[in-house]
Amino acid sequence: MADELVRAVREHLADEVAKVIGGRRGNGAPNGHAIQGRRRRGVSEAVLVQLMKAIKAAPGLRSEQLYKKVTASPRVAKAGLAKLREQKRVRTSGERRSTTYRAV
């Protein structure tokens, strides 16, 4: 009987502590659920709009310069530029790092 009471109190305290520190349990998963793989998302339309505005405002910029003009991370901006090229919404000239972008 005493062992069951001690176990129940420990579980209750563990749950309360987990709530306070963000719902994490011993396995690192939120609320004790299994950790699933990362969810891959496409580039949002907002990032594409930001990139197009930056390209239209200053045609001929390189990708590094465009990364500084948008609020997205360079990784997301790079994916956005790739999507704009794929959709043929921008025209490029040059190769590799010297590639410049112009709106179509």
C-alpha atoms as a PDB file:
ATOM      1  CA  MET A   1       0.000   0.000   0.000  1.00  0.00           C
ATOM      2  CA  ALA A   2       2.741   2.454   0.946  1.00  0.00           C
ATOM      3  CA  ASP A   3       4.716   1.626  -2.210  1.00  0.00           C
ATOM      4  CA  GLU A   4       1.688   2.368  -4.372  1.00  0.00           C
ATOM      5  CA  LEU A   5       1.172   5.692  -2.614  1.00  0.00           C
ATOM      6  CA  VAL A   6       4.824   6.659  -3.094  1.00  0.00           C
ATOM      7  CA  ARG A   7       4.654   5.697  -6.803  1.00  0.00           C
ATOM      8  CA  ALA A   8       1.465   7.695  -7.305  1.00  0.00           C
ATOM      9  CA  VAL A   9       2.950  10.777  -5.613  1.00  0.00           C
ATOM     10  CA  ARG A  10       6.133  10.512  -7.713  1.00  0.00           C
ATOM     11  CA  GLU A  11       4.136  10.255 -10.956  1.00  0.00           C
ATOM     12  CA  HIS A  12       2.014  13.230  -9.959  1.00  0.00           C
ATOM     13  CA  LEU A  13       5.104  15.306  -9.122  1.00  0.00           C
ATOM     14  CA  ALA A  14       6.759  14.278 -12.390  1.00  0.00           C
ATOM     15  CA  ASP A  15       3.679  15.416 -14.317  1.00  0.00           C
ATOM     16  CA  GLU A  16       3.584  18.741 -12.459  1.00  0.00           C
ATOM     17  CA  VAL A  17       7.282  19.356 -13.097  1.00  0.00           C
ATOM     18  CA  ALA A  18       6.806  18.465 -16.779  1.00  0.00           C
ATOM     19  CA  LYS A  19       4.035  21.064 -17.065  1.00  0.00           C
ATOM     20  CA  VAL A  20       6.243  23.741 -15.492  1.00  0.00           C
ATOM     21  CA  ILE A  21       9.283  23.077 -17.672  1.00  0.00           C
ATOM     22  CA  GLY A  22       7.390  22.910 -20.937  1.00  0.00           C
ATOM     23  CA  GLY A  23       5.714  19.545 -21.055  1.00  0.00           C
ATOM     24  CA  ARG A  24       8.867  17.486 -21.632  1.00  0.00           C
ATOM     25  CA  ARG A  25       9.292  14.024 -20.218  1.00  0.00           C
ATOM     26  CA  GLY A  26      12.381  11.872 -19.891  1.00  0.00           C
ATOM     27  CA  ASN A  27      12.428  10.822 -23.549  1.00  0.00           C
ATOM     28  CA  GLY A  28      12.613  14.441 -24.771  1.00  0.00           C
ATOM     29  CA  ALA A  29       9.219  14.265 -26.403  1.00  0.00           C
ATOM     30  CA  PRO A  30       6.526  16.817 -25.589  1.00  0.00           C
ATOM     31  CA  ASN A  31       3.895  15.408 -23.219  1.00  0.00           C
ATOM     32  CA  GLY A  32       5.348  11.910 -23.496  1.00  0.00           C
ATOM     33  CA  HIS A  33       4.354  11.411 -27.134  1.00  0.00           C
ATOM     34  CA  ALA A  34       6.720   9.835 -29.604  1.00  0.00           C
ATOM     35  CA  ILE A  35       8.966  12.191 -31.540  1.00  0.00           C
ATOM     36  CA  GLN A  36       8.092  12.273 -35.207  1.00  0.00           C
ATOM     37  CA  GLY A  37      10.254  13.342 -38.148  1.00  0.00           C
ATOM     38  CA  ARG A  38      10.566  16.960 -39.195  1.00  0.00           C
ATOM     39  CA  ARG A  39       7.764  18.334 -41.250  1.00  0.00           C
ATOM     40  CA  ARG A  40       8.994  19.681 -44.542  1.00  0.00           C
ATOM     41  CA  ARG A  41       7.284  22.803 -45.733  1.00  0.00           C
ATOM     42  CA  GLY A  42       7.461  24.530 -49.042  1.00  0.00           C
ATOM     43  CA  VAL A  43       8.486  28.144 -49.351  1.00  0.00           C
ATOM     44  CA  SER A  44       5.660  30.407 -48.239  1.00  0.00           C
ATOM     45  CA  GLU A  45       4.052  32.871 -50.597  1.00  0.00           C
ATOM     46  CA  ALA A  46       5.071  35.696 -48.250  1.00  0.00           C
ATOM     47  CA  VAL A  47       8.761  34.922 -48.817  1.00  0.00           C
ATOM     48  CA  LEU A  48       8.225  34.842 -52.588  1.00  0.00           C
ATOM     49  CA  VAL A  49       6.457  38.212 -52.437  1.00  0.00           C
ATOM     50  CA  GLN A  50       9.312  39.702 -50.396  1.00  0.00           C
ATOM     51  CA  LEU A  51      11.870  38.388 -52.856  1.00  0.00           C
ATOM     52  CA  MET A  52       9.939  39.708 -55.863  1.00  0.00           C
ATOM     53  CA  LYS A  53       9.624  43.152 -54.240  1.00  0.00           C
ATOM     54  CA  ALA A  54      13.361  43.226 -53.551  1.00  0.00           C
ATOM     55  CA  ILE A  55      14.183  42.131 -57.112  1.00  0.00           C
ATOM     56  CA  LYS A  56      11.829  44.696 -58.656  1.00  0.00           C
ATOM     57  CA  ALA A  57      13.176  47.477 -56.410  1.00  0.00           C
ATOM     58  CA  ALA A  58      16.790  46.741 -57.303  1.00  0.00           C
ATOM     59  CA  PRO A  59      17.200  44.547 -60.385  1.00  0.00           C
ATOM     60  CA  GLY A  60      20.595  42.976 -60.898  1.00  0.00           C
ATOM     61  CA  LEU A  61      21.321  41.988 -57.299  1.00  0.00           C
ATOM     62  CA  ARG A  62      23.130  38.773 -56.453  1.00  0.00           C
ATOM     63  CA  SER A  63      21.595  36.192 -54.136  1.00  0.00           C
ATOM     64  CA  GLU A  64      23.735  37.238 -51.136  1.00  0.00           C
ATOM     65  CA  GLN A  65      22.499  40.805 -51.526  1.00  0.00           C
ATOM     66  CA  LEU A  66      18.895  39.628 -51.793  1.00  0.00           C
ATOM     67  CA  TYR A  67      19.243  37.555 -48.609  1.00  0.00           C
ATOM     68  CA  LYS A  68      19.970  40.782 -46.714  1.00  0.00           C
ATOM     69  CA  LYS A  69      16.876  42.493 -48.123  1.00  0.00           C
ATOM     70  CA  VAL A  70      14.350  39.886 -46.929  1.00  0.00           C
ATOM     71  CA  THR A  71      13.450  38.887 -43.376  1.00  0.00           C
ATOM     72  CA  ALA A  72      13.675  35.147 -44.071  1.00  0.00           C
ATOM     73  CA  SER A  73      16.794  33.124 -43.299  1.00  0.00           C
ATOM     74  CA  PRO A  74      19.298  32.685 -46.132  1.00  0.00           C
ATOM     75  CA  ARG A  75      18.304  29.015 -46.443  1.00  0.00           C
ATOM     76  CA  VAL A  76      14.625  29.887 -46.946  1.00  0.00           C
ATOM     77  CA  ALA A  77      15.497  32.779 -49.278  1.00  0.00           C
ATOM     78  CA  LYS A  78      17.686  30.452 -51.356  1.00  0.00           C
ATOM     79  CA  ALA A  79      14.798  27.996 -51.679  1.00  0.00           C
ATOM     80  CA  GLY A  80      12.535  30.913 -52.612  1.00  0.00           C
ATOM     81  CA  LEU A  81      14.882  32.035 -55.381  1.00  0.00           C
ATOM     82  CA  ALA A  82      14.987  28.473 -56.707  1.00  0.00           C
ATOM     83  CA  LYS A  83      11.187  28.383 -56.754  1.00  0.00           C
ATOM     84  CA  LEU A  84      11.011  31.735 -58.562  1.00  0.00           C
ATOM     85  CA  ARG A  85      13.469  30.434 -61.182  1.00  0.00           C
ATOM     86  CA  GLU A  86      11.416  27.263 -61.539  1.00  0.00           C
ATOM     87  CA  GLN A  87       8.221  29.291 -62.040  1.00  0.00           C
ATOM     88  CA  LYS A  88      10.077  31.525 -64.530  1.00  0.00           C
ATOM     89  CA  ARG A  89       9.117  34.643 -62.577  1.00  0.00           C
ATOM     90  CA  VAL A  90      12.717  35.863 -62.591  1.00  0.00           C
ATOM     91  CA  ARG A  91      15.419  35.991 -65.211  1.00  0.00           C
ATOM     92  CA  THR A  92      19.002  35.241 -64.293  1.00  0.00           C
ATOM     93  CA  SER A  93      22.328  36.129 -65.819  1.00  0.00           C
ATOM     94  CA  GLY A  94      25.776  34.989 -64.777  1.00  0.00           C
ATOM     95  CA  GLU A  95      26.923  31.801 -63.118  1.00  0.00           C
ATOM     96  CA  ARG A  96      27.188  30.565 -59.554  1.00  0.00           C
ATOM     97  CA  ARG A  97      27.868  33.409 -57.102  1.00  0.00           C
ATOM     98  CA  SER A  98      27.781  36.048 -59.811  1.00  0.00           C
ATOM     99  CA  THR A  99      24.215  35.160 -60.797  1.00  0.00           C
ATOM    100  CA  THR A 100      22.037  38.258 -60.828  1.00  0.00           C
ATOM    101  CA  TYR A 101      18.250  38.360 -60.743  1.00  0.00           C
ATOM    102  CA  ARG A 102      15.737  40.461 -62.684  1.00  0.00           C
ATOM    103  CA  ALA A 103      11.937  40.277 -62.645  1.00  0.00           C
ATOM    104  CA  VAL A 104      10.226  38.996 -65.795  1.00  0.00           C
END
